Amino acid sequence: MAKQQELDTILGGGANLQGDLVIKGGARVDGRLKGTLRVEGHLVVGKTGVVDGEVRAHSALVAGTVKGKLVVQERAEFEAGARFHGDLECKRLVVHDGVIFDGTCTMTGKRAEEQGKKG
């Protein structure tokens, strides 16, 4: 990433959380989370992070594992070694070499917005 993103909440490597979590700013997940995660800012899933459920964020950088639905308003980036199993929606996508991506991707850029206005 070109500029440092602000992270207001960190779920540490020893944490294991189950439930629904809403974060007003940015967040980093290095532990395990099962449930629904909504991040209004930038989301980082660290190398040891595992998220299982529905995730919504403004932007996301994944180095760990995400299972389920991931909806990103802007840019989703998967670093080498990341694992994704599920459905992804995003405007921009970066997938580095060495990523396991098992699922679908729907791009929500300008063309998708135009199609929505026609319907």
C-alpha atoms as a PDB file:
ATOM      1  CA  MET A   1       0.000   0.000   0.000  1.00  0.00           C
ATOM      2  CA  ALA A   2       1.246   3.433  -0.863  1.00  0.00           C
ATOM      3  CA  LYS A   3       0.242   5.200   2.339  1.00  0.00           C
ATOM      4  CA  GLN A   4      -0.110   4.021   5.931  1.00  0.00           C
ATOM      5  CA  GLN A   5      -3.704   3.226   6.863  1.00  0.00           C
ATOM      6  CA  GLU A   6      -4.969   4.022  10.369  1.00  0.00           C
ATOM      7  CA  LEU A   7      -5.913   1.023  12.499  1.00  0.00           C
ATOM      8  CA  ASP A   8      -8.128   1.776  15.500  1.00  0.00           C
ATOM      9  CA  THR A   9      -8.796  -1.809  16.606  1.00  0.00           C
ATOM     10  CA  ILE A  10      -6.482  -4.830  16.776  1.00  0.00           C
ATOM     11  CA  LEU A  11      -7.632  -8.394  17.418  1.00  0.00           C
ATOM     12  CA  GLY A  12      -4.395 -10.013  18.621  1.00  0.00           C
ATOM     13  CA  GLY A  13      -2.981 -13.396  17.697  1.00  0.00           C
ATOM     14  CA  GLY A  14      -4.198 -15.029  20.924  1.00  0.00           C
ATOM     15  CA  ALA A  15      -7.789 -13.841  20.504  1.00  0.00           C
ATOM     16  CA  ASN A  16     -10.666 -16.100  19.492  1.00  0.00           C
ATOM     17  CA  LEU A  17     -13.918 -14.169  19.011  1.00  0.00           C
ATOM     18  CA  GLN A  18     -17.335 -15.357  17.915  1.00  0.00           C
ATOM     19  CA  GLY A  19     -20.160 -12.931  17.106  1.00  0.00           C
ATOM     20  CA  ASP A  20     -20.842  -9.663  15.325  1.00  0.00           C
ATOM     21  CA  LEU A  21     -18.292  -6.864  15.366  1.00  0.00           C
ATOM     22  CA  VAL A  22     -18.693  -3.303  14.033  1.00  0.00           C
ATOM     23  CA  ILE A  23     -15.619  -1.059  13.888  1.00  0.00           C
ATOM     24  CA  LYS A  24     -15.892   2.669  13.127  1.00  0.00           C
ATOM     25  CA  GLY A  25     -12.300   3.067  11.885  1.00  0.00           C
ATOM     26  CA  GLY A  26      -9.650   0.659  10.657  1.00  0.00           C
ATOM     27  CA  ALA A  27      -8.938  -2.802  12.066  1.00  0.00           C
ATOM     28  CA  ARG A  28      -6.320  -5.552  12.094  1.00  0.00           C
ATOM     29  CA  VAL A  29      -7.145  -9.216  12.742  1.00  0.00           C
ATOM     30  CA  ASP A  30      -4.264 -11.484  13.786  1.00  0.00           C
ATOM     31  CA  GLY A  31      -6.467 -13.887  15.768  1.00  0.00           C
ATOM     32  CA  ARG A  32      -9.605 -15.854  14.915  1.00  0.00           C
ATOM     33  CA  LEU A  33     -13.028 -14.332  14.273  1.00  0.00           C
ATOM     34  CA  LYS A  34     -16.198 -16.246  13.402  1.00  0.00           C
ATOM     35  CA  GLY A  35     -19.281 -14.174  12.604  1.00  0.00           C
ATOM     36  CA  THR A  36     -19.975 -10.831  10.992  1.00  0.00           C
ATOM     37  CA  LEU A  37     -17.326  -8.113  10.738  1.00  0.00           C
ATOM     38  CA  ARG A  38     -18.070  -4.586   9.511  1.00  0.00           C
ATOM     39  CA  VAL A  39     -15.145  -2.168   9.233  1.00  0.00           C
ATOM     40  CA  GLU A  40     -15.821   1.401   8.102  1.00  0.00           C
ATOM     41  CA  GLY A  41     -12.134   1.946   7.325  1.00  0.00           C
ATOM     42  CA  HIS A  42      -9.238  -0.255   6.214  1.00  0.00           C
ATOM     43  CA  LEU A  43      -9.137  -3.922   7.229  1.00  0.00           C
ATOM     44  CA  VAL A  44      -5.928  -5.929   7.559  1.00  0.00           C
ATOM     45  CA  VAL A  45      -6.080  -9.687   8.055  1.00  0.00           C
ATOM     46  CA  GLY A  46      -2.561 -10.577   9.207  1.00  0.00           C
ATOM     47  CA  LYS A  47      -0.715 -13.797   8.342  1.00  0.00           C
ATOM     48  CA  THR A  48      -2.051 -15.527  11.458  1.00  0.00           C
ATOM     49  CA  GLY A  49      -5.544 -14.054  11.105  1.00  0.00           C
ATOM     50  CA  VAL A  50      -8.554 -16.232  10.284  1.00  0.00           C
ATOM     51  CA  VAL A  51     -11.968 -14.705   9.564  1.00  0.00           C
ATOM     52  CA  ASP A  52     -14.947 -16.998   8.944  1.00  0.00           C
ATOM     53  CA  GLY A  53     -18.240 -15.296   8.050  1.00  0.00           C
ATOM     54  CA  GLU A  54     -19.438 -12.146   6.343  1.00  0.00           C
ATOM     55  CA  VAL A  55     -16.971  -9.259   6.139  1.00  0.00           C
ATOM     56  CA  ARG A  56     -17.609  -5.717   4.895  1.00  0.00           C
ATOM     57  CA  ALA A  57     -14.896  -3.051   4.720  1.00  0.00           C
ATOM     58  CA  HIS A  58     -13.957   0.117   2.866  1.00  0.00           C
ATOM     59  CA  SER A  59     -10.649  -1.456   1.776  1.00  0.00           C
ATOM     60  CA  ALA A  60      -8.861  -4.673   2.700  1.00  0.00           C
ATOM     61  CA  LEU A  61      -5.407  -6.239   2.759  1.00  0.00           C
ATOM     62  CA  VAL A  62      -5.457 -10.005   3.350  1.00  0.00           C
ATOM     63  CA  ALA A  63      -2.321 -11.938   4.295  1.00  0.00           C
ATOM     64  CA  GLY A  64      -4.110 -14.648   6.314  1.00  0.00           C
ATOM     65  CA  THR A  65      -7.332 -16.612   5.732  1.00  0.00           C
ATOM     66  CA  VAL A  66     -10.842 -15.396   4.923  1.00  0.00           C
ATOM     67  CA  LYS A  67     -13.759 -17.829   4.504  1.00  0.00           C
ATOM     68  CA  GLY A  68     -17.219 -16.613   3.494  1.00  0.00           C
ATOM     69  CA  LYS A  69     -18.390 -13.402   1.886  1.00  0.00           C
ATOM     70  CA  LEU A  70     -16.052 -10.418   1.572  1.00  0.00           C
ATOM     71  CA  VAL A  71     -17.522  -7.110   0.358  1.00  0.00           C
ATOM     72  CA  VAL A  72     -15.019  -4.288  -0.146  1.00  0.00           C
ATOM     73  CA  GLN A  73     -16.103  -0.838  -1.327  1.00  0.00           C
ATOM     74  CA  GLU A  74     -12.764   0.021  -2.903  1.00  0.00           C
ATOM     75  CA  ARG A  75      -9.563  -2.060  -3.135  1.00  0.00           C
ATOM     76  CA  ALA A  76      -9.086  -5.651  -2.012  1.00  0.00           C
ATOM     77  CA  GLU A  77      -5.490  -6.914  -1.964  1.00  0.00           C
ATOM     78  CA  PHE A  78      -4.329 -10.471  -1.289  1.00  0.00           C
ATOM     79  CA  GLU A  79      -0.657 -10.928  -0.339  1.00  0.00           C
ATOM     80  CA  ALA A  80       1.402 -14.027  -1.125  1.00  0.00           C
ATOM     81  CA  GLY A  81       0.357 -16.858   1.188  1.00  0.00           C
ATOM     82  CA  ALA A  82      -3.186 -15.539   1.720  1.00  0.00           C
ATOM     83  CA  ARG A  83      -6.122 -17.938   1.469  1.00  0.00           C
ATOM     84  CA  PHE A  84      -9.615 -16.972   0.363  1.00  0.00           C
ATOM     85  CA  HIS A  85     -12.600 -19.322   0.160  1.00  0.00           C
ATOM     86  CA  GLY A  86     -15.912 -17.665  -0.732  1.00  0.00           C
ATOM     87  CA  ASP A  87     -17.486 -14.801  -2.618  1.00  0.00           C
ATOM     88  CA  LEU A  88     -15.728 -11.472  -3.137  1.00  0.00           C
ATOM     89  CA  GLU A  89     -17.212  -8.155  -4.251  1.00  0.00           C
ATOM     90  CA  CYS A  90     -14.881  -5.200  -4.803  1.00  0.00           C
ATOM     91  CA  LYS A  91     -14.154  -2.254  -7.076  1.00  0.00           C
ATOM     92  CA  ARG A  92     -10.415  -2.982  -7.493  1.00  0.00           C
ATOM     93  CA  LEU A  93      -8.534  -6.256  -6.942  1.00  0.00           C
ATOM     94  CA  VAL A  94      -4.855  -7.111  -6.472  1.00  0.00           C
ATOM     95  CA  VAL A  95      -3.842 -10.776  -6.164  1.00  0.00           C
ATOM     96  CA  HIS A  96      -0.162 -11.524  -5.618  1.00  0.00           C
ATOM     97  CA  ASP A  97       1.563 -14.723  -6.704  1.00  0.00           C
ATOM     98  CA  GLY A  98       1.117 -17.539  -4.180  1.00  0.00           C
ATOM     99  CA  VAL A  99      -2.466 -16.721  -3.140  1.00  0.00           C
ATOM    100  CA  ILE A 100      -5.046 -19.498  -2.876  1.00  0.00           C
ATOM    101  CA  PHE A 101      -8.291 -18.012  -4.224  1.00  0.00           C
ATOM    102  CA  ASP A 102     -11.166 -20.503  -4.215  1.00  0.00           C
ATOM    103  CA  GLY A 103     -14.406 -18.711  -4.994  1.00  0.00           C
ATOM    104  CA  THR A 104     -16.046 -16.044  -7.107  1.00  0.00           C
ATOM    105  CA  CYS A 105     -15.276 -12.384  -7.671  1.00  0.00           C
ATOM    106  CA  THR A 106     -17.726  -9.696  -8.727  1.00  0.00           C
ATOM    107  CA  MET A 107     -16.226  -6.368  -9.735  1.00  0.00           C
ATOM    108  CA  THR A 108     -18.380  -3.420  -8.647  1.00  0.00           C
ATOM    109  CA  GLY A 109     -16.759  -0.644 -10.647  1.00  0.00           C
ATOM    110  CA  LYS A 110     -18.271   1.968 -12.929  1.00  0.00           C
ATOM    111  CA  ARG A 111     -19.794  -0.541 -15.372  1.00  0.00           C
ATOM    112  CA  ALA A 112     -21.678  -2.297 -12.572  1.00  0.00           C
ATOM    113  CA  GLU A 113     -22.991   1.068 -11.318  1.00  0.00           C
ATOM    114  CA  GLU A 114     -24.174   1.984 -14.833  1.00  0.00           C
ATOM    115  CA  GLN A 115     -25.998  -1.333 -15.229  1.00  0.00           C
ATOM    116  CA  GLY A 116     -27.747  -0.740 -11.910  1.00  0.00           C
ATOM    117  CA  LYS A 117     -29.072   2.635 -13.132  1.00  0.00           C
ATOM    118  CA  LYS A 118     -30.515   1.043 -16.285  1.00  0.00           C
ATOM    119  CA  GLY A 119     -32.464  -1.612 -14.334  1.00  0.00           C
END
